[in-house]
PDB file of N, CA and C in Angstrom:
ATOM      1  N   MET A   1      21.827  13.104  -5.817  1.00  0.00           N
ATOM      2  CA  MET A   1      20.312  13.558  -6.132  1.00  0.00           C
ATOM      3  C   MET A   1      19.354  13.617  -5.014  1.00  0.00           C
ATOM      4  N   GLN A   2      18.644  14.096  -5.344  1.00  0.00           N
ATOM      5  CA  GLN A   2      17.691  14.688  -3.820  1.00  0.00           C
ATOM      6  C   GLN A   2      16.498  13.695  -4.015  1.00  0.00           C
ATOM      7  N   VAL A   3      15.994  13.180  -2.556  1.00  0.00           N
ATOM      8  CA  VAL A   3      14.931  12.436  -2.799  1.00  0.00           C
ATOM      9  C   VAL A   3      13.774  12.880  -3.510  1.00  0.00           C
ATOM     10  N   GLU A   4      13.330  14.009  -3.525  1.00  0.00           N
ATOM     11  CA  GLU A   4      12.166  14.555  -4.253  1.00  0.00           C
ATOM     12  C   GLU A   4      12.521  14.196  -5.813  1.00  0.00           C
ATOM     13  N   ASP A   5      13.761  14.448  -6.505  1.00  0.00           N
ATOM     14  CA  ASP A   5      13.829  14.157  -7.531  1.00  0.00           C
ATOM     15  C   ASP A   5      13.397  12.624  -8.143  1.00  0.00           C
ATOM     16  N   ILE A   6      13.789  11.878  -7.189  1.00  0.00           N
ATOM     17  CA  ILE A   6      13.802  10.412  -7.396  1.00  0.00           C
ATOM     18  C   ILE A   6      12.262  10.016  -7.347  1.00  0.00           C
ATOM     19  N   LYS A   7      11.408  10.570  -6.155  1.00  0.00           N
ATOM     20  CA  LYS A   7      10.005  10.535  -6.221  1.00  0.00           C
ATOM     21  C   LYS A   7       9.301  10.905  -7.792  1.00  0.00           C
ATOM     22  N   LYS A   8       9.815  12.030  -8.183  1.00  0.00           N
ATOM     23  CA  LYS A   8       9.033  12.509  -9.293  1.00  0.00           C
ATOM     24  C   LYS A   8       9.247  11.852 -10.503  1.00  0.00           C
ATOM     25  N   LEU A   9      10.757  11.104 -10.612  1.00  0.00           N
ATOM     26  CA  LEU A   9      10.785  10.308 -11.848  1.00  0.00           C
ATOM     27  C   LEU A   9      10.086   9.003 -11.484  1.00  0.00           C
ATOM     28  N   ILE A  10       9.829   8.346 -10.427  1.00  0.00           N
ATOM     29  CA  ILE A  10       8.853   7.313 -10.044  1.00  0.00           C
ATOM     30  C   ILE A  10       7.802   7.403 -10.797  1.00  0.00           C
ATOM     31  N   GLU A  11       7.020   8.492  -9.786  1.00  0.00           N
ATOM     32  CA  GLU A  11       5.545   8.909 -10.124  1.00  0.00           C
ATOM     33  C   GLU A  11       5.685   9.140 -11.646  1.00  0.00           C
ATOM     34  N   ALA A  12       6.327   9.794 -12.397  1.00  0.00           N
ATOM     35  CA  ALA A  12       5.931   9.988 -13.670  1.00  0.00           C
ATOM     36  C   ALA A  12       6.099   9.006 -14.661  1.00  0.00           C
ATOM     37  N   ALA A  13       6.931   7.910 -14.377  1.00  0.00           N
ATOM     38  CA  ALA A  13       7.009   6.611 -15.089  1.00  0.00           C
ATOM     39  C   ALA A  13       6.084   5.660 -14.870  1.00  0.00           C
ATOM     40  N   ILE A  14       5.239   5.626 -13.484  1.00  0.00           N
ATOM     41  CA  ILE A  14       4.341   4.343 -13.257  1.00  0.00           C
ATOM     42  C   ILE A  14       2.997   5.101 -12.976  1.00  0.00           C
ATOM     43  N   GLU A  15       2.028   4.552 -13.580  1.00  0.00           N
ATOM     44  CA  GLU A  15       0.770   5.099 -13.776  1.00  0.00           C
ATOM     45  C   GLU A  15       0.180   4.899 -12.134  1.00  0.00           C
ATOM     46  N   ASP A  16      -0.552   6.003 -11.507  1.00  0.00           N
ATOM     47  CA  ASP A  16      -1.325   5.942 -10.640  1.00  0.00           C
ATOM     48  C   ASP A  16      -0.699   5.653  -9.366  1.00  0.00           C
ATOM     49  N   CYS A  17       0.720   5.996  -9.482  1.00  0.00           N
ATOM     50  CA  CYS A  17       1.605   5.730  -8.017  1.00  0.00           C
ATOM     51  C   CYS A  17       1.873   6.595  -7.172  1.00  0.00           C
ATOM     52  N   GLU A  18       2.072   6.126  -5.960  1.00  0.00           N
ATOM     53  CA  GLU A  18       2.415   7.293  -5.102  1.00  0.00           C
ATOM     54  C   GLU A  18       3.852   6.496  -4.361  1.00  0.00           C
ATOM     55  N   ALA A  19       4.848   7.491  -4.408  1.00  0.00           N
ATOM     56  CA  ALA A  19       6.014   6.948  -4.161  1.00  0.00           C
ATOM     57  C   ALA A  19       6.446   7.498  -2.688  1.00  0.00           C
ATOM     58  N   THR A  20       7.390   7.217  -1.870  1.00  0.00           N
ATOM     59  CA  THR A  20       7.873   7.763  -0.886  1.00  0.00           C
ATOM     60  C   THR A  20       9.381   7.424  -0.985  1.00  0.00           C
ATOM     61  N   VAL A  21      10.256   8.288  -0.948  1.00  0.00           N
ATOM     62  CA  VAL A  21      11.902   8.177  -0.931  1.00  0.00           C
ATOM     63  C   VAL A  21      12.511   8.827   0.180  1.00  0.00           C
ATOM     64  N   THR A  22      13.319   7.797   0.478  1.00  0.00           N
ATOM     65  CA  THR A  22      14.092   8.156   1.851  1.00  0.00           C
ATOM     66  C   THR A  22      15.803   7.917   1.477  1.00  0.00           C
ATOM     67  N   GLU A  23      16.345   8.550   2.359  1.00  0.00           N
ATOM     68  CA  GLU A  23      17.959   8.553   1.982  1.00  0.00           C
ATOM     69  C   GLU A  23      18.728   8.498   3.291  1.00  0.00           C
ATOM     70  N   ALA A  24      19.360   7.566   3.653  1.00  0.00           N
ATOM     71  CA  ALA A  24      20.287   7.279   4.779  1.00  0.00           C
ATOM     72  C   ALA A  24      21.775   6.837   4.278  1.00  0.00           C
ATOM     73  N   GLY A  25      22.901   7.799   4.713  1.00  0.00           N
ATOM     74  CA  GLY A  25      24.183   7.439   4.262  1.00  0.00           C
ATOM     75  C   GLY A  25      24.290   7.194   2.686  1.00  0.00           C
ATOM     76  N   GLY A  26      23.648   7.890   1.851  1.00  0.00           N
ATOM     77  CA  GLY A  26      23.808   7.859   0.334  1.00  0.00           C
ATOM     78  C   GLY A  26      23.084   6.660  -0.226  1.00  0.00           C
ATOM     79  N   LYS A  27      22.027   5.802   0.740  1.00  0.00           N
ATOM     80  CA  LYS A  27      21.400   4.739   0.381  1.00  0.00           C
ATOM     81  C   LYS A  27      20.065   5.060   0.112  1.00  0.00           C
ATOM     82  N   TYR A  28      19.296   4.831  -0.932  1.00  0.00           N
ATOM     83  CA  TYR A  28      18.025   5.265  -1.106  1.00  0.00           C
ATOM     84  C   TYR A  28      17.000   4.154  -0.842  1.00  0.00           C
ATOM     85  N   THR A  29      15.800   4.346  -0.440  1.00  0.00           N
ATOM     86  CA  THR A  29      14.700   3.240  -0.343  1.00  0.00           C
ATOM     87  C   THR A  29      13.474   4.130  -1.072  1.00  0.00           C
ATOM     88  N   ALA A  30      13.000   3.339  -1.867  1.00  0.00           N
ATOM     89  CA  ALA A  30      11.659   3.888  -2.525  1.00  0.00           C
ATOM     90  C   ALA A  30      10.527   2.834  -2.085  1.00  0.00           C
ATOM     91  N   VAL A  31       9.762   3.384  -1.650  1.00  0.00           N
ATOM     92  CA  VAL A  31       8.114   2.655  -1.130  1.00  0.00           C
ATOM     93  C   VAL A  31       7.284   2.799  -2.456  1.00  0.00           C
ATOM     94  N   VAL A  32       6.903   2.209  -3.282  1.00  0.00           N
ATOM     95  CA  VAL A  32       6.203   2.626  -4.602  1.00  0.00           C
ATOM     96  C   VAL A  32       4.711   1.812  -4.241  1.00  0.00           C
ATOM     97  N   VAL A  33       3.467   2.504  -4.388  1.00  0.00           N
ATOM     98  CA  VAL A  33       2.276   1.921  -4.207  1.00  0.00           C
ATOM     99  C   VAL A  33       1.533   2.221  -5.573  1.00  0.00           C
ATOM    100  N   SER A  34       1.311   1.223  -6.230  1.00  0.00           N
ATOM    101  CA  SER A  34       0.405   1.369  -7.842  1.00  0.00           C
ATOM    102  C   SER A  34      -0.736   0.395  -7.713  1.00  0.00           C
ATOM    103  N   PRO A  35      -1.790   0.879  -8.426  1.00  0.00           N
ATOM    104  CA  PRO A  35      -2.629  -0.588  -8.785  1.00  0.00           C
ATOM    105  C   PRO A  35      -2.091  -1.327 -10.011  1.00  0.00           C
ATOM    106  N   VAL A  36      -1.130  -0.706 -10.752  1.00  0.00           N
ATOM    107  CA  VAL A  36      -0.486  -1.394 -11.925  1.00  0.00           C
ATOM    108  C   VAL A  36       0.396  -2.451 -11.520  1.00  0.00           C
ATOM    109  N   PHE A  37       0.721  -2.881 -10.300  1.00  0.00           N
ATOM    110  CA  PHE A  37       1.333  -3.855  -9.768  1.00  0.00           C
ATOM    111  C   PHE A  37       0.413  -5.101  -9.584  1.00  0.00           C
ATOM    112  N   GLU A  38      -0.780  -5.048  -9.598  1.00  0.00           N
ATOM    113  CA  GLU A  38      -1.932  -6.034  -9.392  1.00  0.00           C
ATOM    114  C   GLU A  38      -1.266  -7.316 -10.123  1.00  0.00           C
ATOM    115  N   GLY A  39      -1.092  -8.466  -9.775  1.00  0.00           N
ATOM    116  CA  GLY A  39      -0.944  -9.843 -10.541  1.00  0.00           C
ATOM    117  C   GLY A  39       0.423  -9.960 -11.097  1.00  0.00           C
ATOM    118  N   LYS A  40       1.311  -8.679 -10.796  1.00  0.00           N
ATOM    119  CA  LYS A  40       2.927  -8.760 -11.329  1.00  0.00           C
ATOM    120  C   LYS A  40       3.716  -9.337 -10.222  1.00  0.00           C
ATOM    121  N   THR A  41       4.822  -9.845 -10.780  1.00  0.00           N
ATOM    122  CA  THR A  41       5.669 -10.501 -10.048  1.00  0.00           C
ATOM    123  C   THR A  41       6.673  -9.417  -8.983  1.00  0.00           C
ATOM    124  N   MET A  42       7.220  -9.862  -8.065  1.00  0.00           N
ATOM    125  CA  MET A  42       8.164  -8.966  -7.159  1.00  0.00           C
ATOM    126  C   MET A  42       9.048  -8.252  -8.332  1.00  0.00           C
ATOM    127  N   ILE A  43       9.646  -9.374  -9.054  1.00  0.00           N
ATOM    128  CA  ILE A  43      10.640  -8.843 -10.055  1.00  0.00           C
ATOM    129  C   ILE A  43      10.184  -7.847 -11.022  1.00  0.00           C
ATOM    130  N   ALA A  44       9.185  -8.033 -11.565  1.00  0.00           N
ATOM    131  CA  ALA A  44       8.541  -7.240 -12.641  1.00  0.00           C
ATOM    132  C   ALA A  44       8.124  -6.054 -12.042  1.00  0.00           C
ATOM    133  N   GLU A  45       7.869  -5.841 -10.861  1.00  0.00           N
ATOM    134  CA  GLU A  45       7.503  -4.665 -10.100  1.00  0.00           C
ATOM    135  C   GLU A  45       8.755  -3.833  -9.904  1.00  0.00           C
ATOM    136  N   GLN A  46       9.869  -4.611  -9.391  1.00  0.00           N
ATOM    137  CA  GLN A  46      10.936  -3.944  -9.227  1.00  0.00           C
ATOM    138  C   GLN A  46      11.812  -3.178 -10.721  1.00  0.00           C
ATOM    139  N   LYS A  47      11.466  -3.957 -11.682  1.00  0.00           N
ATOM    140  CA  LYS A  47      11.739  -3.674 -13.126  1.00  0.00           C
ATOM    141  C   LYS A  47      11.382  -2.244 -13.444  1.00  0.00           C
ATOM    142  N   MET A  48      10.009  -2.178 -13.179  1.00  0.00           N
ATOM    143  CA  MET A  48       9.409  -0.996 -13.465  1.00  0.00           C
ATOM    144  C   MET A  48       9.895  -0.124 -12.727  1.00  0.00           C
ATOM    145  N   VAL A  49      10.057   0.112 -11.422  1.00  0.00           N
ATOM    146  CA  VAL A  49      10.917   1.141 -10.760  1.00  0.00           C
ATOM    147  C   VAL A  49      12.039   1.489 -11.360  1.00  0.00           C
ATOM    148  N   TYR A  50      12.997   0.318 -11.263  1.00  0.00           N
ATOM    149  CA  TYR A  50      14.231   0.464 -11.888  1.00  0.00           C
ATOM    150  C   TYR A  50      14.287   1.184 -13.320  1.00  0.00           C
ATOM    151  N   ALA A  51      13.260   0.823 -14.200  1.00  0.00           N
ATOM    152  CA  ALA A  51      13.262   1.673 -15.398  1.00  0.00           C
ATOM    153  C   ALA A  51      13.267   2.992 -15.498  1.00  0.00           C
ATOM    154  N   ALA A  52      12.558   3.511 -14.422  1.00  0.00           N
ATOM    155  CA  ALA A  52      12.244   5.039 -14.302  1.00  0.00           C
ATOM    156  C   ALA A  52      13.261   5.587 -13.611  1.00  0.00           C
ATOM    157  N   VAL A  53      14.518   5.008 -13.071  1.00  0.00           N
ATOM    158  CA  VAL A  53      15.397   5.697 -12.662  1.00  0.00           C
ATOM    159  C   VAL A  53      16.868   5.009 -13.094  1.00  0.00           C
ATOM    160  N   ASN A  54      17.038   4.209 -13.992  1.00  0.00           N
ATOM    161  CA  ASN A  54      18.013   3.454 -14.442  1.00  0.00           C
ATOM    162  C   ASN A  54      18.889   4.266 -14.971  1.00  0.00           C
ATOM    163  N   GLU A  55      18.683   5.521 -15.693  1.00  0.00           N
ATOM    164  CA  GLU A  55      19.842   6.397 -16.248  1.00  0.00           C
ATOM    165  C   GLU A  55      20.697   6.878 -14.995  1.00  0.00           C
ATOM    166  N   HIS A  56      20.057   7.233 -13.832  1.00  0.00           N
ATOM    167  CA  HIS A  56      20.657   7.692 -12.873  1.00  0.00           C
ATOM    168  C   HIS A  56      21.504   6.858 -12.119  1.00  0.00           C
ATOM    169  N   ILE A  57      21.212   5.561 -11.966  1.00  0.00           N
ATOM    170  CA  ILE A  57      21.918   4.423 -11.444  1.00  0.00           C
ATOM    171  C   ILE A  57      23.299   4.357 -12.360  1.00  0.00           C
ATOM    172  N   GLN A  58      22.884   4.076 -13.582  1.00  0.00           N
ATOM    173  CA  GLN A  58      23.956   4.144 -14.462  1.00  0.00           C
ATOM    174  C   GLN A  58      25.152   4.875 -14.608  1.00  0.00           C
ATOM    175  N   SER A  59      24.545   6.331 -14.215  1.00  0.00           N
ATOM    176  CA  SER A  59      25.722   7.446 -14.294  1.00  0.00           C
ATOM    177  C   SER A  59      26.228   7.584 -12.817  1.00  0.00           C
ATOM    178  N   GLY A  60      25.762   6.873 -11.960  1.00  0.00           N
ATOM    179  CA  GLY A  60      26.401   6.981 -10.376  1.00  0.00           C
ATOM    180  C   GLY A  60      25.553   8.053  -9.485  1.00  0.00           C
ATOM    181  N   ALA A  61      24.606   8.935 -10.071  1.00  0.00           N
ATOM    182  CA  ALA A  61      23.939   9.502  -9.320  1.00  0.00           C
ATOM    183  C   ALA A  61      23.147   9.177  -8.138  1.00  0.00           C
ATOM    184  N   ILE A  62      22.594   7.577  -8.408  1.00  0.00           N
ATOM    185  CA  ILE A  62      22.052   7.205  -7.362  1.00  0.00           C
ATOM    186  C   ILE A  62      23.060   5.858  -7.162  1.00  0.00           C
ATOM    187  N   HIS A  63      23.536   5.692  -5.876  1.00  0.00           N
ATOM    188  CA  HIS A  63      24.561   4.640  -5.842  1.00  0.00           C
ATOM    189  C   HIS A  63      23.798   3.482  -5.238  1.00  0.00           C
ATOM    190  N   ALA A  64      22.816   3.294  -4.406  1.00  0.00           N
ATOM    191  CA  ALA A  64      22.029   1.942  -3.966  1.00  0.00           C
ATOM    192  C   ALA A  64      20.469   2.543  -3.877  1.00  0.00           C
ATOM    193  N   LEU A  65      19.908   1.816  -4.287  1.00  0.00           N
ATOM    194  CA  LEU A  65      18.329   1.822  -4.303  1.00  0.00           C
ATOM    195  C   LEU A  65      17.824   0.702  -3.998  1.00  0.00           C
ATOM    196  N   THR A  66      16.823   0.445  -2.740  1.00  0.00           N
ATOM    197  CA  THR A  66      15.846  -0.323  -2.322  1.00  0.00           C
ATOM    198  C   THR A  66      14.689  -0.032  -2.675  1.00  0.00           C
ATOM    199  N   ILE A  67      13.962  -1.092  -3.239  1.00  0.00           N
ATOM    200  CA  ILE A  67      12.725  -0.938  -3.712  1.00  0.00           C
ATOM    201  C   ILE A  67      11.585  -1.769  -2.911  1.00  0.00           C
ATOM    202  N   LYS A  68      10.513  -1.085  -2.587  1.00  0.00           N
ATOM    203  CA  LYS A  68       9.633  -1.935  -1.741  1.00  0.00           C
ATOM    204  C   LYS A  68       8.291  -1.802  -2.577  1.00  0.00           C
ATOM    205  N   ALA A  69       7.688  -2.493  -3.447  1.00  0.00           N
ATOM    206  CA  ALA A  69       6.779  -1.943  -4.259  1.00  0.00           C
ATOM    207  C   ALA A  69       5.309  -2.917  -3.715  1.00  0.00           C
ATOM    208  N   TYR A  70       4.237  -2.286  -3.962  1.00  0.00           N
ATOM    209  CA  TYR A  70       2.972  -2.706  -3.314  1.00  0.00           C
ATOM    210  C   TYR A  70       1.857  -2.288  -4.152  1.00  0.00           C
ATOM    211  N   THR A  71       0.907  -3.094  -4.123  1.00  0.00           N
ATOM    212  CA  THR A  71      -0.574  -2.793  -4.836  1.00  0.00           C
ATOM    213  C   THR A  71      -1.234  -2.004  -3.462  1.00  0.00           C
ATOM    214  N   PRO A  72      -2.303  -1.230  -3.777  1.00  0.00           N
ATOM    215  CA  PRO A  72      -2.831  -0.703  -2.800  1.00  0.00           C
ATOM    216  C   PRO A  72      -3.560  -1.537  -1.708  1.00  0.00           C
ATOM    217  N   ASP A  73      -3.796  -2.712  -1.847  1.00  0.00           N
ATOM    218  CA  ASP A  73      -4.416  -3.519  -1.074  1.00  0.00           C
ATOM    219  C   ASP A  73      -3.477  -4.310  -0.233  1.00  0.00           C
ATOM    220  N   GLU A  74      -2.150  -4.315  -0.808  1.00  0.00           N
ATOM    221  CA  GLU A  74      -0.904  -5.169   0.113  1.00  0.00           C
ATOM    222  C   GLU A  74      -0.531  -4.010   0.803  1.00  0.00           C
ATOM    223  N   TYR A  75      -0.612  -2.581   0.553  1.00  0.00           N
ATOM    224  CA  TYR A  75       0.173  -1.528   1.245  1.00  0.00           C
ATOM    225  C   TYR A  75      -0.639  -1.251   2.467  1.00  0.00           C
ATOM    226  N   SER A  76      -2.220  -1.387   2.211  1.00  0.00           N
ATOM    227  CA  SER A  76      -3.155  -1.548   3.247  1.00  0.00           C
ATOM    228  C   SER A  76      -2.980  -2.241   4.553  1.00  0.00           C
ATOM    229  N   ARG A  77      -2.560  -3.451   4.158  1.00  0.00           N
ATOM    230  CA  ARG A  77      -2.318  -4.501   5.120  1.00  0.00           C
ATOM    231  C   ARG A  77      -1.152  -4.594   5.955  1.00  0.00           C
ATOM    232  N   LEU A  78      -0.259  -3.592   5.470  1.00  0.00           N
ATOM    233  CA  LEU A  78       0.967  -3.491   6.374  1.00  0.00           C
ATOM    234  C   LEU A  78       0.916  -2.747   7.641  1.00  0.00           C
TER     235      LEU A  78
END
């Protein structure tokens, strides 16, 4: 699966989000920034992202995915 495909899936599933997806050695990392994460736990944020790509994780098209989810305020402080 291509990084652009994963980016599109995440951005289509999560409102007002901007995703950056990278790949190294078959392992993907998604940095996802969205105001909808405001007030949510890290687990809830990750569940939202996993829901967007779960079909591809289960099929094996995505072997490993690290998720870094932030609100716009959190991301601006990095």
